[in-house]
Amino acid sequence: PPMQAIFSTFPLTAQSLLVSALAGAIILPVISVEKLIRNRRRA
């Protein structure tokens, strides 16, 4: 892809993709629970 040459990027390895997906899978529910708690306190 041409943008990889411009920005000097490279494809992620399978391990890097897995780590990124796991981080998102952990962080997203935590943020959702935090929002739920904040909204319940306001009501």
N, C-alpha and C. Protein backbone atom coordinates (compact mmCIF):
# COMPACT_ATOMS: atom_id res chain seq x y z
N PRO A 1 0.81 -1.20 0.00
CA PRO A 1 0.00 0.00 0.00
C PRO A 1 0.86 1.27 0.00
N PRO A 2 0.48 2.23 -0.77
CA PRO A 2 1.31 3.43 -0.92
C PRO A 2 1.46 4.25 0.36
N MET A 3 0.47 4.26 1.22
CA MET A 3 0.57 5.07 2.44
C MET A 3 1.60 4.50 3.42
N GLN A 4 1.87 3.20 3.34
CA GLN A 4 2.89 2.62 4.22
C GLN A 4 4.26 3.21 3.92
N ALA A 5 4.56 3.44 2.67
CA ALA A 5 5.85 4.02 2.31
C ALA A 5 5.94 5.47 2.78
N ILE A 6 4.86 6.20 2.68
CA ILE A 6 4.86 7.61 3.08
C ILE A 6 5.06 7.76 4.58
N PHE A 7 4.36 6.96 5.37
CA PHE A 7 4.41 7.08 6.83
C PHE A 7 5.39 6.10 7.49
N SER A 8 6.11 5.33 6.71
CA SER A 8 7.08 4.35 7.21
C SER A 8 6.44 3.40 8.21
N THR A 9 5.28 2.86 7.86
CA THR A 9 4.59 1.91 8.72
C THR A 9 4.76 0.50 8.17
N PHE A 10 4.37 -0.47 8.95
CA PHE A 10 4.46 -1.86 8.52
C PHE A 10 3.28 -2.62 9.09
N PRO A 11 2.93 -3.75 8.50
CA PRO A 11 1.79 -4.53 8.99
C PRO A 11 2.05 -5.07 10.40
N LEU A 12 0.98 -5.18 11.18
CA LEU A 12 1.09 -5.77 12.51
C LEU A 12 1.21 -7.28 12.41
N THR A 13 1.95 -7.84 13.34
CA THR A 13 2.04 -9.30 13.41
C THR A 13 0.76 -9.84 14.03
N ALA A 14 0.57 -11.13 13.93
CA ALA A 14 -0.61 -11.76 14.53
C ALA A 14 -0.62 -11.54 16.04
N GLN A 15 0.53 -11.60 16.67
CA GLN A 15 0.62 -11.38 18.11
C GLN A 15 0.24 -9.95 18.47
N SER A 16 0.70 -8.98 17.69
CA SER A 16 0.35 -7.58 17.95
C SER A 16 -1.14 -7.34 17.79
N LEU A 17 -1.73 -7.95 16.78
CA LEU A 17 -3.17 -7.83 16.57
C LEU A 17 -3.94 -8.43 17.74
N LEU A 18 -3.48 -9.57 18.23
CA LEU A 18 -4.14 -10.22 19.36
C LEU A 18 -4.06 -9.36 20.62
N VAL A 19 -2.90 -8.79 20.88
CA VAL A 19 -2.73 -7.93 22.05
C VAL A 19 -3.64 -6.71 21.94
N SER A 20 -3.72 -6.11 20.77
CA SER A 20 -4.58 -4.95 20.56
C SER A 20 -6.04 -5.31 20.76
N ALA A 21 -6.46 -6.43 20.23
CA ALA A 21 -7.86 -6.86 20.37
C ALA A 21 -8.19 -7.17 21.83
N LEU A 22 -7.28 -7.81 22.53
CA LEU A 22 -7.51 -8.12 23.94
C LEU A 22 -7.57 -6.85 24.79
N ALA A 23 -6.71 -5.90 24.49
CA ALA A 23 -6.74 -4.63 25.23
C ALA A 23 -8.08 -3.94 25.03
N GLY A 24 -8.56 -3.90 23.81
CA GLY A 24 -9.86 -3.30 23.54
C GLY A 24 -10.98 -4.05 24.21
N ALA A 25 -10.89 -5.38 24.22
CA ALA A 25 -11.93 -6.20 24.82
C ALA A 25 -11.98 -6.03 26.34
N ILE A 26 -10.87 -5.64 26.93
CA ILE A 26 -10.83 -5.40 28.37
C ILE A 26 -11.26 -3.96 28.69
N ILE A 27 -10.76 -3.01 27.93
CA ILE A 27 -11.00 -1.60 28.22
C ILE A 27 -12.45 -1.19 27.95
N LEU A 28 -13.03 -1.65 26.87
CA LEU A 28 -14.39 -1.24 26.50
C LEU A 28 -15.42 -1.57 27.58
N PRO A 29 -15.47 -2.78 28.11
CA PRO A 29 -16.45 -3.05 29.18
C PRO A 29 -16.19 -2.24 30.45
N VAL A 30 -14.94 -1.98 30.77
CA VAL A 30 -14.62 -1.19 31.96
C VAL A 30 -15.17 0.22 31.81
N ILE A 31 -15.00 0.82 30.65
CA ILE A 31 -15.51 2.16 30.40
C ILE A 31 -17.04 2.15 30.42
N SER A 32 -17.64 1.12 29.86
CA SER A 32 -19.10 1.03 29.86
C SER A 32 -19.66 0.94 31.28
N VAL A 33 -19.02 0.17 32.13
CA VAL A 33 -19.46 0.05 33.53
C VAL A 33 -19.28 1.40 34.24
N GLU A 34 -18.19 2.08 33.97
CA GLU A 34 -17.96 3.39 34.57
C GLU A 34 -19.06 4.37 34.17
N LYS A 35 -19.43 4.38 32.90
CA LYS A 35 -20.51 5.25 32.42
C LYS A 35 -21.83 4.89 33.08
N LEU A 36 -22.10 3.61 33.22
CA LEU A 36 -23.33 3.16 33.85
C LEU A 36 -23.41 3.65 35.30
N ILE A 37 -22.31 3.54 36.02
CA ILE A 37 -22.27 3.99 37.41
C ILE A 37 -22.47 5.50 37.49
N ARG A 38 -21.81 6.25 36.62
CA ARG A 38 -21.97 7.71 36.62
C ARG A 38 -23.40 8.11 36.33
N ASN A 39 -24.03 7.46 35.36
CA ASN A 39 -25.40 7.80 34.99
C ASN A 39 -26.38 7.46 36.10
N ARG A 40 -26.15 6.39 36.82
CA ARG A 40 -27.04 6.01 37.92
C ARG A 40 -26.91 6.98 39.09
N ARG A 41 -25.72 7.52 39.30
CA ARG A 41 -25.53 8.48 40.39
C ARG A 41 -26.24 9.80 40.09
N ARG A 42 -26.29 10.18 38.83
CA ARG A 42 -26.95 11.43 38.44
C ARG A 42 -28.46 11.34 38.59
N ALA A 43 -29.02 10.17 38.37
CA ALA A 43 -30.48 10.01 38.39
C ALA A 43 -31.05 9.99 39.79
